[in-house]
Amino acid sequence: MVIFGDTSALYALLSARDLNHERAKTQWLQWLAGPADIVVSNYIVLETTALVQKRLGMQALRQFYDLLLPAMDVYWVSEETHRQAVQMLMAYNRRQLSLVDCSSFVLMNALGISTVFSFDQHFAQAGFTVIPMS
């Protein structure tokens, strides 16, 4: 099973104060023990880095890079994927939807990934299966 990792879930793993921390941790540990491949984009890495560094500090950022990131495959967003994501963002015309979300949708579709590790409702709204379920 291939699962796409979103910033919301990665942040929840790192922040014990996040409301979704325990659910994220339980799910992550299940995948580490089982046959799941977790994929992220370089945009997710960038977004997670900025969020964790700002809100949680450098120690948490080191945990992200030393413990979480090595367990994932990082796909680099191409110029074409970026262009498609910008087009999607403009077409959706919604202030709360981000370019990173749209790039994730485009990349997931290109890679044939239908399941996402996330707490962001935009993925379900876009038709993806979100784990853990709300």
Protein backbone atom coordinates (compact mmCIF):
# COMPACT_ATOMS: atom_id res chain seq x y z
CA MET A 1 0.00 0.00 0.00
CA VAL A 2 1.31 3.45 -0.94
CA ILE A 3 0.20 6.39 1.18
CA PHE A 4 0.86 10.07 0.60
CA GLY A 5 1.97 12.00 3.70
CA ASP A 6 0.56 15.48 4.32
CA THR A 7 1.98 18.25 6.50
CA SER A 8 -1.00 18.14 8.87
CA ALA A 9 -0.25 14.54 9.84
CA LEU A 10 3.51 14.98 9.98
CA TYR A 11 3.11 17.99 12.24
CA ALA A 12 0.69 16.04 14.46
CA LEU A 13 3.32 13.31 14.84
CA LEU A 14 5.87 15.82 16.09
CA SER A 15 3.66 17.92 18.35
CA ALA A 16 2.46 16.19 21.52
CA ARG A 17 0.09 19.13 22.02
CA ASP A 18 -1.62 18.67 18.65
CA LEU A 19 -5.19 17.36 19.02
CA ASN A 20 -4.43 14.61 16.51
CA HIS A 21 -1.07 13.54 17.97
CA GLU A 22 -2.16 10.20 19.44
CA ARG A 23 -4.13 9.18 16.35
CA ALA A 24 -1.23 10.14 14.09
CA LYS A 25 1.28 8.29 16.27
CA THR A 26 -0.84 5.12 16.40
CA GLN A 27 -1.29 5.11 12.62
CA TRP A 28 2.39 5.84 11.94
CA LEU A 29 3.54 2.98 14.18
CA GLN A 30 1.15 0.58 12.43
CA TRP A 31 2.61 1.52 9.05
CA LEU A 32 6.19 1.18 10.26
CA ALA A 33 5.38 -2.38 11.36
CA GLY A 34 3.51 -3.25 8.16
CA PRO A 35 3.88 -3.15 4.42
CA ALA A 36 3.12 0.54 3.79
CA ASP A 37 5.21 2.93 1.70
CA ILE A 38 4.82 6.58 2.62
CA VAL A 39 5.43 9.16 -0.07
CA VAL A 40 5.79 12.93 0.31
CA SER A 41 6.72 15.70 -2.10
CA ASN A 42 9.53 18.18 -1.66
CA TYR A 43 6.76 20.79 -1.24
CA ILE A 44 5.45 18.85 1.79
CA VAL A 45 9.00 18.69 3.18
CA LEU A 46 9.37 22.45 2.73
CA GLU A 47 5.96 23.25 4.25
CA THR A 48 6.54 20.89 7.19
CA THR A 49 10.01 22.31 7.77
CA ALA A 50 8.71 25.87 7.95
CA LEU A 51 5.79 24.96 10.22
CA VAL A 52 7.78 22.78 12.62
CA GLN A 53 10.69 25.22 12.84
CA LYS A 54 8.37 28.15 13.60
CA ARG A 55 5.99 26.43 16.02
CA LEU A 56 8.04 23.67 17.65
CA GLY A 57 11.68 24.69 17.24
CA MET A 58 14.89 23.16 16.02
CA GLN A 59 14.84 20.02 18.18
CA ALA A 60 11.52 18.97 16.65
CA LEU A 61 12.83 19.84 13.21
CA ARG A 62 15.82 17.57 13.78
CA GLN A 63 13.41 14.78 14.75
CA PHE A 64 11.55 15.34 11.49
CA TYR A 65 14.74 15.07 9.45
CA ASP A 66 16.40 12.31 11.48
CA LEU A 67 13.43 10.07 12.34
CA LEU A 68 10.44 10.69 10.09
CA LEU A 69 11.84 11.73 6.74
CA PRO A 70 14.15 8.71 6.31
CA ALA A 71 11.05 6.47 6.51
CA MET A 72 9.48 8.21 3.51
CA ASP A 73 10.14 8.48 -0.21
CA VAL A 74 10.42 12.08 -1.40
CA TYR A 75 9.16 12.92 -4.90
CA TRP A 76 10.26 16.22 -6.40
CA VAL A 77 7.56 18.39 -7.91
CA SER A 78 8.38 19.00 -11.54
CA GLU A 79 7.81 22.22 -13.43
CA GLU A 80 4.80 20.62 -15.15
CA THR A 81 3.30 19.43 -11.86
CA HIS A 82 3.76 22.90 -10.43
CA ARG A 83 2.05 24.45 -13.48
CA GLN A 84 -0.89 22.06 -13.19
CA ALA A 85 -1.15 22.77 -9.45
CA VAL A 86 -1.29 26.53 -10.07
CA GLN A 87 -4.02 25.98 -12.68
CA MET A 88 -5.96 23.84 -10.21
CA LEU A 89 -5.57 26.43 -7.46
CA MET A 90 -6.92 29.16 -9.72
CA ALA A 91 -9.77 26.95 -10.94
CA TYR A 92 -10.86 26.05 -7.38
CA ASN A 93 -10.74 29.77 -6.51
CA ARG A 94 -10.77 29.09 -2.74
CA ARG A 95 -8.71 31.15 -0.35
CA GLN A 96 -8.12 28.34 2.18
CA LEU A 97 -6.84 25.82 -0.40
CA SER A 98 -3.06 26.01 -0.79
CA LEU A 99 -0.70 25.52 -3.70
CA VAL A 100 0.96 22.75 -1.68
CA ASP A 101 -2.41 20.94 -1.41
CA CYS A 102 -3.00 21.30 -5.14
CA SER A 103 0.50 20.06 -5.95
CA SER A 104 -0.19 17.07 -3.70
CA PHE A 105 -3.44 16.33 -5.58
CA VAL A 106 -1.69 16.51 -8.95
CA LEU A 107 1.22 14.35 -7.80
CA MET A 108 -1.03 11.79 -6.12
CA ASN A 109 -3.08 11.46 -9.30
CA ALA A 110 0.07 11.13 -11.44
CA LEU A 111 1.47 8.41 -9.16
CA GLY A 112 -1.88 6.61 -8.80
CA ILE A 113 -2.02 7.20 -5.03
CA SER A 114 -5.54 7.39 -3.63
CA THR A 115 -4.83 7.32 0.13
CA VAL A 116 -3.40 10.15 2.21
CA PHE A 117 -2.18 10.39 5.80
CA SER A 118 -3.74 13.72 6.70
CA PHE A 119 -6.02 15.72 8.95
CA ASP A 120 -6.77 18.24 6.19
CA GLN A 121 -10.36 18.04 4.91
CA HIS A 122 -9.30 19.29 1.46
CA PHE A 123 -8.05 15.81 0.54
CA ALA A 124 -11.42 14.19 1.22
CA GLN A 125 -13.13 17.02 -0.66
CA ALA A 126 -10.85 16.25 -3.62
CA GLY A 127 -11.92 12.58 -3.54
CA PHE A 128 -8.99 10.94 -1.78
CA THR A 129 -9.24 8.40 1.04
CA VAL A 130 -8.01 10.06 4.23
CA ILE A 131 -6.38 8.04 7.02
CA PRO A 132 -6.93 8.19 9.89
CA MET A 133 -10.61 8.69 9.33
CA SER A 134 -12.25 11.60 11.16
